[in-house]
Amino acid sequence: MKVGQGASVTRSFSAGDLADFAALSGGPVGDQVPEPLIGALFSFLLGVECPGCGTNYLKQDMVFHAPAPLDTPLTASVEITRLRLDKALADLWARCTLADGTVICEGRALVSVRDVQTADPSSAPS
């Protein structure tokens, strides 16, 4: 884990995804991707990619600049901007964009990395 390390994922959401989300949340189905679904992309990245398994969210501040249309690829990315290993903390910048570069949202996340499991290089396939 180091400053500058990051990860990204691209995903589009369909009307069916929104219907599933509405069924789970009890909210109405709209014609734009709900902000919590965009936030879930960051949660996925933090918990699976960077920093990885064992990451615990402490805080996230996001500013939404534009709506996220249905059936349009959204790219969410995170990048480590500061490590405070003495406190087992990592600050990350998070951003979600459309393919044309339009920023849907951006902000910062603070996570605990105390329990992050790092891959053992000796177990990597050869």
N, C-alpha and C. Protein backbone atom coordinates (compact mmCIF):
# COMPACT_ATOMS: atom_id res chain seq x y z
N MET A 1 0.86 -1.17 0.00
CA MET A 1 0.00 0.00 0.00
C MET A 1 0.91 1.23 0.00
N LYS A 2 0.63 2.17 -0.94
CA LYS A 2 1.45 3.37 -1.02
C LYS A 2 0.64 4.52 -1.59
N VAL A 3 1.10 5.74 -1.31
CA VAL A 3 0.45 6.93 -1.85
C VAL A 3 0.53 6.85 -3.37
N GLY A 4 -0.58 7.19 -4.02
CA GLY A 4 -0.67 7.12 -5.47
C GLY A 4 -1.29 5.84 -5.98
N GLN A 5 -1.33 4.81 -5.15
CA GLN A 5 -1.97 3.54 -5.54
C GLN A 5 -3.46 3.78 -5.68
N GLY A 6 -4.06 3.15 -6.68
CA GLY A 6 -5.49 3.33 -6.87
C GLY A 6 -6.13 2.17 -7.58
N ALA A 7 -7.40 2.32 -7.85
CA ALA A 7 -8.17 1.29 -8.54
C ALA A 7 -9.39 1.96 -9.15
N SER A 8 -9.96 1.32 -10.17
CA SER A 8 -11.18 1.85 -10.77
C SER A 8 -12.06 0.70 -11.24
N VAL A 9 -13.31 1.02 -11.44
CA VAL A 9 -14.29 0.05 -11.94
C VAL A 9 -15.28 0.83 -12.81
N THR A 10 -15.71 0.19 -13.89
CA THR A 10 -16.70 0.80 -14.77
C THR A 10 -17.94 -0.06 -14.76
N ARG A 11 -19.10 0.59 -14.61
CA ARG A 11 -20.37 -0.13 -14.51
C ARG A 11 -21.48 0.78 -15.00
N SER A 12 -22.48 0.21 -15.64
CA SER A 12 -23.69 0.97 -15.95
C SER A 12 -24.85 0.33 -15.22
N PHE A 13 -25.84 1.13 -14.94
CA PHE A 13 -27.02 0.68 -14.22
C PHE A 13 -28.23 0.78 -15.14
N SER A 14 -29.05 -0.27 -15.12
CA SER A 14 -30.24 -0.34 -15.96
C SER A 14 -31.49 -0.01 -15.15
N ALA A 15 -32.61 0.11 -15.84
CA ALA A 15 -33.89 0.32 -15.16
C ALA A 15 -34.18 -0.85 -14.21
N GLY A 16 -33.78 -2.06 -14.62
CA GLY A 16 -33.96 -3.23 -13.75
C GLY A 16 -33.16 -3.11 -12.46
N ASP A 17 -31.93 -2.58 -12.55
CA ASP A 17 -31.12 -2.36 -11.35
C ASP A 17 -31.81 -1.37 -10.42
N LEU A 18 -32.39 -0.32 -10.99
CA LEU A 18 -33.09 0.67 -10.17
C LEU A 18 -34.34 0.08 -9.53
N ALA A 19 -35.02 -0.79 -10.26
CA ALA A 19 -36.20 -1.45 -9.68
C ALA A 19 -35.79 -2.34 -8.51
N ASP A 20 -34.67 -3.06 -8.66
CA ASP A 20 -34.16 -3.89 -7.56
C ASP A 20 -33.77 -3.03 -6.37
N PHE A 21 -33.10 -1.92 -6.64
CA PHE A 21 -32.72 -1.00 -5.57
C PHE A 21 -33.96 -0.46 -4.86
N ALA A 22 -34.96 -0.06 -5.63
CA ALA A 22 -36.20 0.46 -5.04
C ALA A 22 -36.88 -0.59 -4.17
N ALA A 23 -36.86 -1.85 -4.61
CA ALA A 23 -37.48 -2.92 -3.82
C ALA A 23 -36.74 -3.11 -2.49
N LEU A 24 -35.43 -2.98 -2.52
CA LEU A 24 -34.65 -3.15 -1.29
C LEU A 24 -34.74 -1.94 -0.36
N SER A 25 -34.75 -0.75 -0.95
CA SER A 25 -34.71 0.47 -0.14
C SER A 25 -36.09 1.02 0.22
N GLY A 26 -37.09 0.59 -0.54
CA GLY A 26 -38.42 1.12 -0.31
C GLY A 26 -38.66 2.46 -0.97
N GLY A 27 -37.67 2.91 -1.74
CA GLY A 27 -37.77 4.21 -2.40
C GLY A 27 -38.39 4.08 -3.79
N PRO A 28 -38.74 5.21 -4.38
CA PRO A 28 -39.33 5.19 -5.72
C PRO A 28 -38.27 4.94 -6.80
N VAL A 29 -38.71 4.44 -7.94
CA VAL A 29 -37.83 4.23 -9.09
C VAL A 29 -37.82 5.52 -9.89
N GLY A 30 -36.63 6.03 -10.19
CA GLY A 30 -36.51 7.25 -10.99
C GLY A 30 -35.89 6.94 -12.33
N ASP A 31 -35.40 7.96 -13.00
CA ASP A 31 -34.78 7.77 -14.30
C ASP A 31 -33.29 8.10 -14.29
N GLN A 32 -32.73 8.24 -13.08
CA GLN A 32 -31.30 8.47 -12.92
C GLN A 32 -30.78 7.54 -11.83
N VAL A 33 -29.48 7.27 -11.89
CA VAL A 33 -28.87 6.37 -10.91
C VAL A 33 -28.86 7.06 -9.54
N PRO A 34 -29.43 6.43 -8.53
CA PRO A 34 -29.44 7.02 -7.18
C PRO A 34 -28.01 7.14 -6.63
N GLU A 35 -27.79 8.19 -5.88
CA GLU A 35 -26.47 8.43 -5.30
C GLU A 35 -25.95 7.26 -4.47
N PRO A 36 -26.79 6.56 -3.69
CA PRO A 36 -26.25 5.42 -2.93
C PRO A 36 -25.66 4.32 -3.82
N LEU A 37 -26.19 4.14 -5.02
CA LEU A 37 -25.61 3.13 -5.91
C LEU A 37 -24.24 3.56 -6.41
N ILE A 38 -24.06 4.85 -6.63
CA ILE A 38 -22.73 5.34 -7.00
C ILE A 38 -21.78 5.16 -5.82
N GLY A 39 -22.25 5.47 -4.62
CA GLY A 39 -21.44 5.26 -3.42
C GLY A 39 -21.04 3.81 -3.24
N ALA A 40 -21.91 2.90 -3.66
CA ALA A 40 -21.60 1.47 -3.55
C ALA A 40 -20.42 1.09 -4.44
N LEU A 41 -20.23 1.78 -5.54
CA LEU A 41 -19.06 1.51 -6.39
C LEU A 41 -17.78 1.82 -5.63
N PHE A 42 -17.77 2.92 -4.87
CA PHE A 42 -16.59 3.25 -4.06
C PHE A 42 -16.39 2.23 -2.95
N SER A 43 -17.48 1.82 -2.33
CA SER A 43 -17.39 0.81 -1.27
C SER A 43 -16.78 -0.48 -1.81
N PHE A 44 -17.21 -0.89 -3.01
CA PHE A 44 -16.63 -2.07 -3.65
C PHE A 44 -15.13 -1.90 -3.85
N LEU A 45 -14.73 -0.77 -4.42
CA LEU A 45 -13.30 -0.55 -4.68
C LEU A 45 -12.48 -0.57 -3.41
N LEU A 46 -12.96 0.11 -2.38
CA LEU A 46 -12.20 0.18 -1.12
C LEU A 46 -12.09 -1.18 -0.45
N GLY A 47 -13.13 -1.97 -0.51
CA GLY A 47 -13.14 -3.25 0.18
C GLY A 47 -12.53 -4.39 -0.60
N VAL A 48 -12.44 -4.26 -1.92
CA VAL A 48 -11.96 -5.38 -2.74
C VAL A 48 -10.63 -5.06 -3.42
N GLU A 49 -10.46 -3.82 -3.89
CA GLU A 49 -9.30 -3.47 -4.70
C GLU A 49 -8.23 -2.66 -3.96
N CYS A 50 -8.61 -1.53 -3.41
CA CYS A 50 -7.63 -0.60 -2.85
C CYS A 50 -8.26 0.19 -1.71
N PRO A 51 -7.88 -0.01 -0.48
CA PRO A 51 -6.80 -0.84 0.01
C PRO A 51 -7.06 -2.34 -0.04
N GLY A 52 -8.32 -2.79 0.07
CA GLY A 52 -8.61 -4.22 -0.07
C GLY A 52 -9.37 -4.80 1.10
N CYS A 53 -9.41 -6.13 1.12
CA CYS A 53 -10.18 -6.87 2.12
C CYS A 53 -9.74 -6.48 3.53
N GLY A 54 -10.69 -6.13 4.36
CA GLY A 54 -10.42 -5.73 5.72
C GLY A 54 -10.47 -4.22 5.92
N THR A 55 -10.66 -3.47 4.85
CA THR A 55 -10.80 -2.02 4.94
C THR A 55 -12.10 -1.69 5.67
N ASN A 56 -12.04 -0.71 6.54
CA ASN A 56 -13.24 -0.27 7.26
C ASN A 56 -13.44 1.22 7.03
N TYR A 57 -14.63 1.57 6.50
CA TYR A 57 -14.99 2.97 6.27
C TYR A 57 -15.06 3.71 7.60
N LEU A 58 -14.48 4.88 7.66
CA LEU A 58 -14.65 5.74 8.83
C LEU A 58 -15.43 6.99 8.46
N LYS A 59 -15.17 7.50 7.23
CA LYS A 59 -15.80 8.76 6.84
C LYS A 59 -15.72 8.89 5.32
N GLN A 60 -16.76 9.48 4.74
CA GLN A 60 -16.72 9.81 3.32
C GLN A 60 -17.49 11.10 3.10
N ASP A 61 -16.87 12.01 2.35
CA ASP A 61 -17.50 13.27 1.96
C ASP A 61 -17.55 13.30 0.45
N MET A 62 -18.74 13.38 -0.12
CA MET A 62 -18.91 13.40 -1.57
C MET A 62 -19.72 14.62 -1.97
N VAL A 63 -19.33 15.19 -3.09
CA VAL A 63 -20.09 16.28 -3.70
C VAL A 63 -20.55 15.77 -5.05
N PHE A 64 -21.86 15.83 -5.29
CA PHE A 64 -22.43 15.38 -6.56
C PHE A 64 -22.61 16.59 -7.46
N HIS A 65 -21.99 16.52 -8.64
CA HIS A 65 -22.00 17.64 -9.58
C HIS A 65 -23.02 17.49 -10.71
N ALA A 66 -23.33 16.25 -11.05
CA ALA A 66 -24.21 16.01 -12.21
C ALA A 66 -24.97 14.71 -11.99
N PRO A 67 -26.14 14.57 -12.61
CA PRO A 67 -26.88 13.31 -12.50
C PRO A 67 -26.18 12.20 -13.28
N ALA A 68 -26.39 10.98 -12.86
CA ALA A 68 -25.83 9.81 -13.55
C ALA A 68 -26.96 9.15 -14.34
N PRO A 69 -26.89 9.21 -15.67
CA PRO A 69 -27.96 8.63 -16.48
C PRO A 69 -27.94 7.11 -16.48
N LEU A 70 -29.10 6.53 -16.72
CA LEU A 70 -29.22 5.07 -16.84
C LEU A 70 -28.50 4.58 -18.10
N ASP A 71 -28.09 3.32 -18.05
CA ASP A 71 -27.52 2.64 -19.21
C ASP A 71 -26.32 3.37 -19.80
N THR A 72 -25.58 4.06 -18.96
CA THR A 72 -24.39 4.80 -19.38
C THR A 72 -23.23 4.35 -18.50
N PRO A 73 -22.08 4.00 -19.10
CA PRO A 73 -20.94 3.58 -18.29
C PRO A 73 -20.48 4.69 -17.33
N LEU A 74 -20.35 4.32 -16.08
CA LEU A 74 -19.82 5.20 -15.04
C LEU A 74 -18.50 4.59 -14.58
N THR A 75 -17.47 5.40 -14.47
CA THR A 75 -16.19 4.91 -13.97
C THR A 75 -15.93 5.53 -12.62
N ALA A 76 -15.87 4.68 -11.61
CA ALA A 76 -15.54 5.11 -10.25
C ALA A 76 -14.08 4.77 -10.01
N SER A 77 -13.36 5.70 -9.37
CA SER A 77 -11.95 5.45 -9.08
C SER A 77 -11.61 5.98 -7.69
N VAL A 78 -10.63 5.35 -7.08
CA VAL A 78 -10.11 5.80 -5.80
C VAL A 78 -8.59 5.82 -5.89
N GLU A 79 -7.98 6.74 -5.16
CA GLU A 79 -6.52 6.83 -5.12
C GLU A 79 -6.08 7.21 -3.72
N ILE A 80 -5.10 6.50 -3.20
CA ILE A 80 -4.56 6.81 -1.87
C ILE A 80 -3.79 8.13 -1.96
N THR A 81 -4.18 9.09 -1.12
CA THR A 81 -3.52 10.40 -1.12
C THR A 81 -2.65 10.61 0.11
N ARG A 82 -2.91 9.83 1.15
CA ARG A 82 -2.12 9.96 2.38
C ARG A 82 -2.23 8.69 3.18
N LEU A 83 -1.13 8.25 3.72
CA LEU A 83 -1.12 7.10 4.63
C LEU A 83 -0.64 7.57 5.99
N ARG A 84 -1.36 7.13 7.01
CA ARG A 84 -0.96 7.39 8.40
C ARG A 84 -0.86 6.03 9.08
N LEU A 85 0.20 5.30 8.74
CA LEU A 85 0.33 3.92 9.19
C LEU A 85 0.45 3.83 10.71
N ASP A 86 0.96 4.88 11.37
CA ASP A 86 1.03 4.87 12.83
C ASP A 86 -0.36 4.79 13.45
N LYS A 87 -1.37 5.25 12.71
CA LYS A 87 -2.76 5.19 13.17
C LYS A 87 -3.58 4.21 12.35
N ALA A 88 -2.94 3.51 11.41
CA ALA A 88 -3.61 2.54 10.52
C ALA A 88 -4.74 3.20 9.73
N LEU A 89 -4.45 4.40 9.17
CA LEU A 89 -5.44 5.14 8.40
C LEU A 89 -4.94 5.43 6.99
N ALA A 90 -5.88 5.51 6.07
CA ALA A 90 -5.57 5.93 4.70
C ALA A 90 -6.62 6.93 4.26
N ASP A 91 -6.15 8.01 3.65
CA ASP A 91 -7.03 8.99 3.01
C ASP A 91 -7.03 8.67 1.52
N LEU A 92 -8.20 8.74 0.90
CA LEU A 92 -8.30 8.47 -0.53
C LEU A 92 -9.15 9.53 -1.20
N TRP A 93 -8.83 9.81 -2.47
CA TRP A 93 -9.65 10.67 -3.30
C TRP A 93 -10.53 9.75 -4.13
N ALA A 94 -11.79 10.06 -4.21
CA ALA A 94 -12.75 9.25 -4.97
C ALA A 94 -13.41 10.12 -6.01
N ARG A 95 -13.62 9.54 -7.19
CA ARG A 95 -14.25 10.29 -8.29
C ARG A 95 -15.04 9.32 -9.16
N CYS A 96 -16.18 9.79 -9.66
CA CYS A 96 -16.98 9.02 -10.61
C CYS A 96 -17.23 9.90 -11.82
N THR A 97 -16.93 9.36 -13.01
CA THR A 97 -17.07 10.13 -14.24
C THR A 97 -17.83 9.35 -15.30
N LEU A 98 -18.36 10.11 -16.26
CA LEU A 98 -18.92 9.52 -17.47
C LEU A 98 -17.77 9.32 -18.47
N ALA A 99 -18.03 8.58 -19.54
CA ALA A 99 -17.01 8.31 -20.54
C ALA A 99 -16.46 9.58 -21.17
N ASP A 100 -17.26 10.64 -21.25
CA ASP A 100 -16.79 11.89 -21.86
C ASP A 100 -16.01 12.77 -20.88
N GLY A 101 -15.80 12.27 -19.66
CA GLY A 101 -15.04 13.02 -18.66
C GLY A 101 -15.89 13.83 -17.70
N THR A 102 -17.19 13.90 -17.92
CA THR A 102 -18.06 14.63 -17.00
C THR A 102 -17.95 14.03 -15.61
N VAL A 103 -17.67 14.87 -14.63
CA VAL A 103 -17.55 14.41 -13.24
C VAL A 103 -18.94 14.36 -12.62
N ILE A 104 -19.33 13.15 -12.24
CA ILE A 104 -20.61 12.94 -11.57
C ILE A 104 -20.49 13.32 -10.10
N CYS A 105 -19.44 12.82 -9.45
CA CYS A 105 -19.19 13.16 -8.06
C CYS A 105 -17.71 12.97 -7.74
N GLU A 106 -17.30 13.61 -6.67
CA GLU A 106 -15.93 13.46 -6.20
C GLU A 106 -15.89 13.82 -4.73
N GLY A 107 -14.86 13.35 -4.08
CA GLY A 107 -14.71 13.63 -2.67
C GLY A 107 -13.63 12.78 -2.04
N ARG A 108 -13.66 12.72 -0.74
CA ARG A 108 -12.60 12.03 -0.02
C ARG A 108 -13.18 10.97 0.89
N ALA A 109 -12.38 9.95 1.10
CA ALA A 109 -12.75 8.87 2.01
C ALA A 109 -11.61 8.67 3.01
N LEU A 110 -11.97 8.36 4.22
CA LEU A 110 -11.01 8.01 5.26
C LEU A 110 -11.35 6.59 5.69
N VAL A 111 -10.35 5.72 5.66
CA VAL A 111 -10.58 4.32 6.01
C VAL A 111 -9.53 3.84 7.00
N SER A 112 -9.93 2.86 7.77
CA SER A 112 -9.00 2.15 8.65
C SER A 112 -8.42 0.99 7.86
N VAL A 113 -7.10 0.85 7.91
CA VAL A 113 -6.44 -0.23 7.19
C VAL A 113 -5.80 -1.24 8.15
N ARG A 114 -6.19 -1.15 9.40
CA ARG A 114 -5.62 -2.03 10.43
C ARG A 114 -5.77 -3.50 10.08
N ASP A 115 -6.92 -3.88 9.51
CA ASP A 115 -7.20 -5.29 9.25
C ASP A 115 -7.05 -5.68 7.78
N VAL A 116 -6.46 -4.78 6.96
CA VAL A 116 -6.32 -5.09 5.54
C VAL A 116 -5.36 -6.25 5.36
N GLN A 117 -5.82 -7.21 4.57
CA GLN A 117 -5.00 -8.38 4.26
C GLN A 117 -4.23 -8.10 2.98
N THR A 118 -2.93 -8.19 3.06
CA THR A 118 -2.12 -7.99 1.86
C THR A 118 -1.79 -9.33 1.25
N ALA A 119 -1.69 -9.33 -0.06
CA ALA A 119 -1.39 -10.58 -0.78
C ALA A 119 0.04 -11.00 -0.48
N ASP A 120 0.24 -12.29 -0.33
CA ASP A 120 1.56 -12.87 -0.12
C ASP A 120 2.18 -13.11 -1.50
N PRO A 121 3.28 -12.36 -1.84
CA PRO A 121 3.85 -12.50 -3.18
C PRO A 121 4.29 -13.93 -3.49
N SER A 122 4.61 -14.71 -2.47
CA SER A 122 5.05 -16.09 -2.73
C SER A 122 3.90 -16.99 -3.14
N SER A 123 2.65 -16.51 -2.94
CA SER A 123 1.50 -17.34 -3.33
C SER A 123 0.96 -16.98 -4.70
N ALA A 124 1.58 -15.98 -5.36
CA ALA A 124 1.13 -15.56 -6.68
C ALA A 124 1.39 -16.67 -7.70
N PRO A 125 0.47 -16.85 -8.65
CA PRO A 125 0.69 -17.87 -9.68
C PRO A 125 1.89 -17.51 -10.55
N SER A 126 2.61 -18.54 -10.99
CA SER A 126 3.79 -18.27 -11.82
C SER A 126 3.51 -18.47 -13.28
